[in-house]
């Protein structure tokens, strides 16, 4: 499932960073994608809308945007989605 999430995140990030999805990879740090702080906020809203969730622990997620890779972000999102299914 993580690969599907990675692909979706790459498409979303590319939209907000105004780059081609092909120029991004899951191993790329999010902060190196060219997405700015406004784009990051919009991306978070898009993720919530796309997956019909409310992102929990926004500060941890923000840290993922600043320090982690797209793959890291996908793993964190997958964890939250699994928790949502269990409830």
N, C-alpha and C. Protein backbone atom coordinates (compact mmCIF):
# COMPACT_ATOMS: atom_id res chain seq x y z
N UNK A 1 0.83 -1.21 0.00
CA UNK A 1 0.00 0.00 0.00
C UNK A 1 0.87 1.26 0.00
N UNK A 2 2.01 1.17 0.66
CA UNK A 2 2.88 2.34 0.76
C UNK A 2 3.29 2.88 -0.61
N UNK A 3 3.52 1.97 -1.57
CA UNK A 3 3.91 2.40 -2.91
C UNK A 3 2.80 3.23 -3.56
N UNK A 4 1.57 2.82 -3.35
CA UNK A 4 0.43 3.58 -3.89
C UNK A 4 0.38 4.96 -3.24
N UNK A 5 0.59 5.00 -1.94
CA UNK A 5 0.58 6.27 -1.22
C UNK A 5 1.73 7.15 -1.72
N UNK A 6 2.90 6.55 -1.91
CA UNK A 6 4.05 7.30 -2.42
C UNK A 6 3.72 7.94 -3.77
N UNK A 7 3.12 7.16 -4.66
CA UNK A 7 2.76 7.69 -5.98
C UNK A 7 1.77 8.84 -5.86
N UNK A 8 0.79 8.69 -4.99
CA UNK A 8 -0.19 9.75 -4.79
C UNK A 8 0.47 10.99 -4.21
N UNK A 9 1.33 10.80 -3.22
CA UNK A 9 2.03 11.94 -2.62
C UNK A 9 2.92 12.64 -3.64
N UNK A 10 3.61 11.87 -4.46
CA UNK A 10 4.46 12.47 -5.50
C UNK A 10 3.63 13.34 -6.43
N UNK A 11 2.46 12.85 -6.83
CA UNK A 11 1.58 13.64 -7.71
C UNK A 11 1.12 14.91 -7.01
N UNK A 12 0.73 14.78 -5.74
CA UNK A 12 0.26 15.94 -4.99
C UNK A 12 1.38 16.96 -4.77
N UNK A 13 2.55 16.47 -4.38
CA UNK A 13 3.68 17.37 -4.14
C UNK A 13 4.08 18.06 -5.44
N UNK A 14 4.11 17.31 -6.52
CA UNK A 14 4.46 17.90 -7.82
C UNK A 14 3.51 19.03 -8.18
N UNK A 15 2.23 18.83 -7.92
CA UNK A 15 1.24 19.87 -8.20
C UNK A 15 1.55 21.15 -7.42
N UNK A 16 1.82 21.01 -6.14
CA UNK A 16 2.04 22.17 -5.29
C UNK A 16 3.43 22.78 -5.47
N UNK A 17 4.40 21.96 -5.88
CA UNK A 17 5.75 22.47 -6.11
C UNK A 17 5.90 22.97 -7.55
N UNK A 18 4.85 22.73 -8.34
CA UNK A 18 4.84 23.13 -9.75
C UNK A 18 6.01 22.53 -10.52
N UNK A 19 6.17 21.20 -10.34
CA UNK A 19 7.18 20.44 -11.07
C UNK A 19 6.50 19.20 -11.66
N UNK A 20 7.20 18.53 -12.56
CA UNK A 20 6.67 17.29 -13.13
C UNK A 20 6.86 16.16 -12.13
N UNK A 21 5.85 15.30 -11.99
CA UNK A 21 5.98 14.17 -11.06
C UNK A 21 7.20 13.30 -11.35
N UNK A 22 7.58 13.21 -12.62
CA UNK A 22 8.72 12.38 -13.01
C UNK A 22 10.04 12.90 -12.42
N UNK A 23 10.05 14.17 -12.03
CA UNK A 23 11.28 14.75 -11.47
C UNK A 23 11.44 14.44 -9.98
N UNK A 24 10.45 13.79 -9.40
CA UNK A 24 10.48 13.46 -7.98
C UNK A 24 10.61 11.96 -7.78
N UNK A 25 11.19 11.57 -6.66
CA UNK A 25 11.26 10.15 -6.30
C UNK A 25 10.93 10.02 -4.82
N UNK A 26 10.53 8.83 -4.42
CA UNK A 26 10.15 8.59 -3.03
C UNK A 26 11.31 8.78 -2.07
N UNK A 27 12.53 8.61 -2.56
CA UNK A 27 13.69 8.75 -1.69
C UNK A 27 14.15 10.19 -1.53
N UNK A 28 13.47 11.11 -2.23
CA UNK A 28 13.84 12.52 -2.18
C UNK A 28 13.32 13.19 -0.91
N UNK A 29 14.17 13.97 -0.23
CA UNK A 29 13.67 14.73 0.92
C UNK A 29 12.58 15.70 0.45
N UNK A 30 11.52 15.78 1.22
CA UNK A 30 10.38 16.63 0.84
C UNK A 30 10.83 18.08 0.64
N UNK A 31 11.71 18.55 1.52
CA UNK A 31 12.12 19.96 1.42
C UNK A 31 12.90 20.25 0.14
N UNK A 32 13.40 19.21 -0.53
CA UNK A 32 14.14 19.40 -1.78
C UNK A 32 13.26 19.32 -3.02
N UNK A 33 11.96 19.16 -2.82
CA UNK A 33 11.05 19.06 -3.96
C UNK A 33 10.69 20.41 -4.55
N UNK A 34 10.96 21.46 -3.80
CA UNK A 34 10.61 22.79 -4.26
C UNK A 34 9.30 23.29 -3.69
N UNK A 35 8.65 22.49 -2.87
CA UNK A 35 7.38 22.91 -2.28
C UNK A 35 7.66 23.94 -1.17
N UNK A 36 6.89 25.01 -1.15
CA UNK A 36 7.08 26.04 -0.13
C UNK A 36 6.10 25.82 1.03
N UNK A 37 6.14 26.70 2.01
CA UNK A 37 5.31 26.51 3.20
C UNK A 37 3.82 26.57 2.88
N UNK A 38 3.42 27.44 1.99
CA UNK A 38 2.01 27.50 1.59
C UNK A 38 1.62 26.21 0.87
N UNK A 39 2.48 25.75 -0.02
CA UNK A 39 2.24 24.50 -0.72
C UNK A 39 2.14 23.33 0.24
N UNK A 40 2.96 23.35 1.28
CA UNK A 40 2.93 22.30 2.29
C UNK A 40 1.58 22.29 3.00
N UNK A 41 1.10 23.46 3.38
CA UNK A 41 -0.21 23.56 4.04
C UNK A 41 -1.32 23.06 3.11
N UNK A 42 -1.26 23.47 1.86
CA UNK A 42 -2.26 23.02 0.88
C UNK A 42 -2.18 21.52 0.67
N UNK A 43 -0.95 20.99 0.66
CA UNK A 43 -0.76 19.55 0.51
C UNK A 43 -1.41 18.81 1.66
N UNK A 44 -1.23 19.30 2.87
CA UNK A 44 -1.84 18.65 4.03
C UNK A 44 -3.36 18.61 3.90
N UNK A 45 -3.95 19.70 3.42
CA UNK A 45 -5.40 19.71 3.20
C UNK A 45 -5.80 18.72 2.11
N UNK A 46 -5.00 18.65 1.04
CA UNK A 46 -5.28 17.71 -0.04
C UNK A 46 -5.21 16.26 0.44
N UNK A 47 -4.22 15.98 1.28
CA UNK A 47 -4.09 14.62 1.83
C UNK A 47 -5.32 14.28 2.66
N UNK A 48 -5.75 15.20 3.51
CA UNK A 48 -6.94 14.97 4.33
C UNK A 48 -8.16 14.72 3.46
N UNK A 49 -8.32 15.52 2.43
CA UNK A 49 -9.48 15.38 1.54
C UNK A 49 -9.41 14.07 0.75
N UNK A 50 -8.25 13.77 0.19
CA UNK A 50 -8.10 12.58 -0.64
C UNK A 50 -8.36 11.30 0.15
N UNK A 51 -7.83 11.24 1.37
CA UNK A 51 -7.95 10.02 2.18
C UNK A 51 -9.10 10.09 3.19
N UNK A 52 -9.83 11.20 3.18
CA UNK A 52 -10.97 11.39 4.07
C UNK A 52 -10.58 11.15 5.54
N UNK A 53 -9.51 11.83 5.94
CA UNK A 53 -9.01 11.71 7.31
C UNK A 53 -8.68 13.10 7.84
N UNK A 54 -8.46 13.16 9.13
CA UNK A 54 -7.93 14.36 9.77
C UNK A 54 -6.53 13.97 10.22
N UNK A 55 -5.54 14.66 9.70
CA UNK A 55 -4.16 14.32 10.06
C UNK A 55 -3.94 14.57 11.54
N UNK A 56 -3.44 13.55 12.21
CA UNK A 56 -3.15 13.70 13.62
C UNK A 56 -1.69 14.08 13.80
N UNK A 57 -1.40 14.65 14.93
CA UNK A 57 -0.05 15.06 15.29
C UNK A 57 0.60 15.90 14.19
N UNK A 58 0.01 17.04 13.93
CA UNK A 58 0.47 17.92 12.84
C UNK A 58 1.92 18.33 13.00
N UNK A 59 2.39 18.49 14.23
CA UNK A 59 3.78 18.89 14.41
C UNK A 59 4.74 17.80 13.96
N UNK A 60 4.40 16.54 14.23
CA UNK A 60 5.23 15.42 13.76
C UNK A 60 5.20 15.37 12.24
N UNK A 61 4.03 15.57 11.68
CA UNK A 61 3.90 15.54 10.23
C UNK A 61 4.70 16.69 9.60
N UNK A 62 4.64 17.85 10.22
CA UNK A 62 5.41 18.99 9.74
C UNK A 62 6.90 18.66 9.74
N UNK A 63 7.34 17.96 10.78
CA UNK A 63 8.74 17.55 10.86
C UNK A 63 9.08 16.60 9.70
N UNK A 64 8.16 15.73 9.35
CA UNK A 64 8.38 14.83 8.21
C UNK A 64 8.58 15.63 6.92
N UNK A 65 7.79 16.70 6.78
CA UNK A 65 7.94 17.56 5.59
C UNK A 65 9.32 18.21 5.58
N UNK A 66 9.78 18.64 6.74
CA UNK A 66 11.02 19.39 6.81
C UNK A 66 12.26 18.50 6.79
N UNK A 67 12.18 17.32 7.39
CA UNK A 67 13.37 16.49 7.57
C UNK A 67 13.33 15.17 6.82
N UNK A 68 12.16 14.71 6.48
CA UNK A 68 12.04 13.38 5.92
C UNK A 68 11.89 13.33 4.41
N UNK A 69 11.86 12.12 3.93
CA UNK A 69 11.67 11.87 2.50
C UNK A 69 10.19 11.66 2.21
N UNK A 70 9.87 11.60 0.94
CA UNK A 70 8.49 11.31 0.54
C UNK A 70 8.11 9.92 1.06
N UNK A 71 9.05 8.99 1.02
CA UNK A 71 8.81 7.64 1.53
C UNK A 71 8.49 7.67 3.03
N UNK A 72 9.21 8.48 3.80
CA UNK A 72 8.94 8.64 5.24
C UNK A 72 7.51 9.15 5.46
N UNK A 73 7.15 10.13 4.68
CA UNK A 73 5.82 10.72 4.79
C UNK A 73 4.75 9.68 4.44
N UNK A 74 5.00 8.88 3.41
CA UNK A 74 4.06 7.84 3.01
C UNK A 74 3.89 6.80 4.12
N UNK A 75 4.99 6.42 4.75
CA UNK A 75 4.92 5.44 5.84
C UNK A 75 4.09 5.98 7.00
N UNK A 76 4.31 7.24 7.34
CA UNK A 76 3.55 7.85 8.45
C UNK A 76 2.07 7.92 8.10
N UNK A 77 1.77 8.27 6.88
CA UNK A 77 0.38 8.35 6.44
C UNK A 77 -0.24 6.96 6.44
N UNK A 78 0.51 5.97 6.00
CA UNK A 78 0.00 4.60 5.99
C UNK A 78 -0.32 4.14 7.41
N UNK A 79 0.53 4.48 8.36
CA UNK A 79 0.28 4.13 9.76
C UNK A 79 -1.03 4.74 10.24
N UNK A 80 -1.26 6.00 9.90
CA UNK A 80 -2.49 6.64 10.34
C UNK A 80 -3.70 6.00 9.67
N UNK A 81 -3.57 5.68 8.39
CA UNK A 81 -4.68 5.05 7.69
C UNK A 81 -5.00 3.69 8.28
N UNK A 82 -4.00 2.94 8.68
CA UNK A 82 -4.23 1.64 9.32
C UNK A 82 -4.95 1.82 10.65
N UNK A 83 -4.59 2.84 11.40
CA UNK A 83 -5.28 3.12 12.67
C UNK A 83 -6.74 3.49 12.43
N UNK A 84 -6.98 4.23 11.38
CA UNK A 84 -8.36 4.63 11.05
C UNK A 84 -9.21 3.41 10.74
N UNK A 85 -8.64 2.42 10.04
CA UNK A 85 -9.37 1.21 9.67
C UNK A 85 -9.68 0.37 10.90
N UNK A 86 -8.75 0.33 11.85
CA UNK A 86 -8.92 -0.47 13.06
C UNK A 86 -10.03 0.04 13.96
N UNK A 87 -10.33 1.33 13.88
CA UNK A 87 -11.32 1.93 14.79
C UNK A 87 -12.70 1.52 14.44
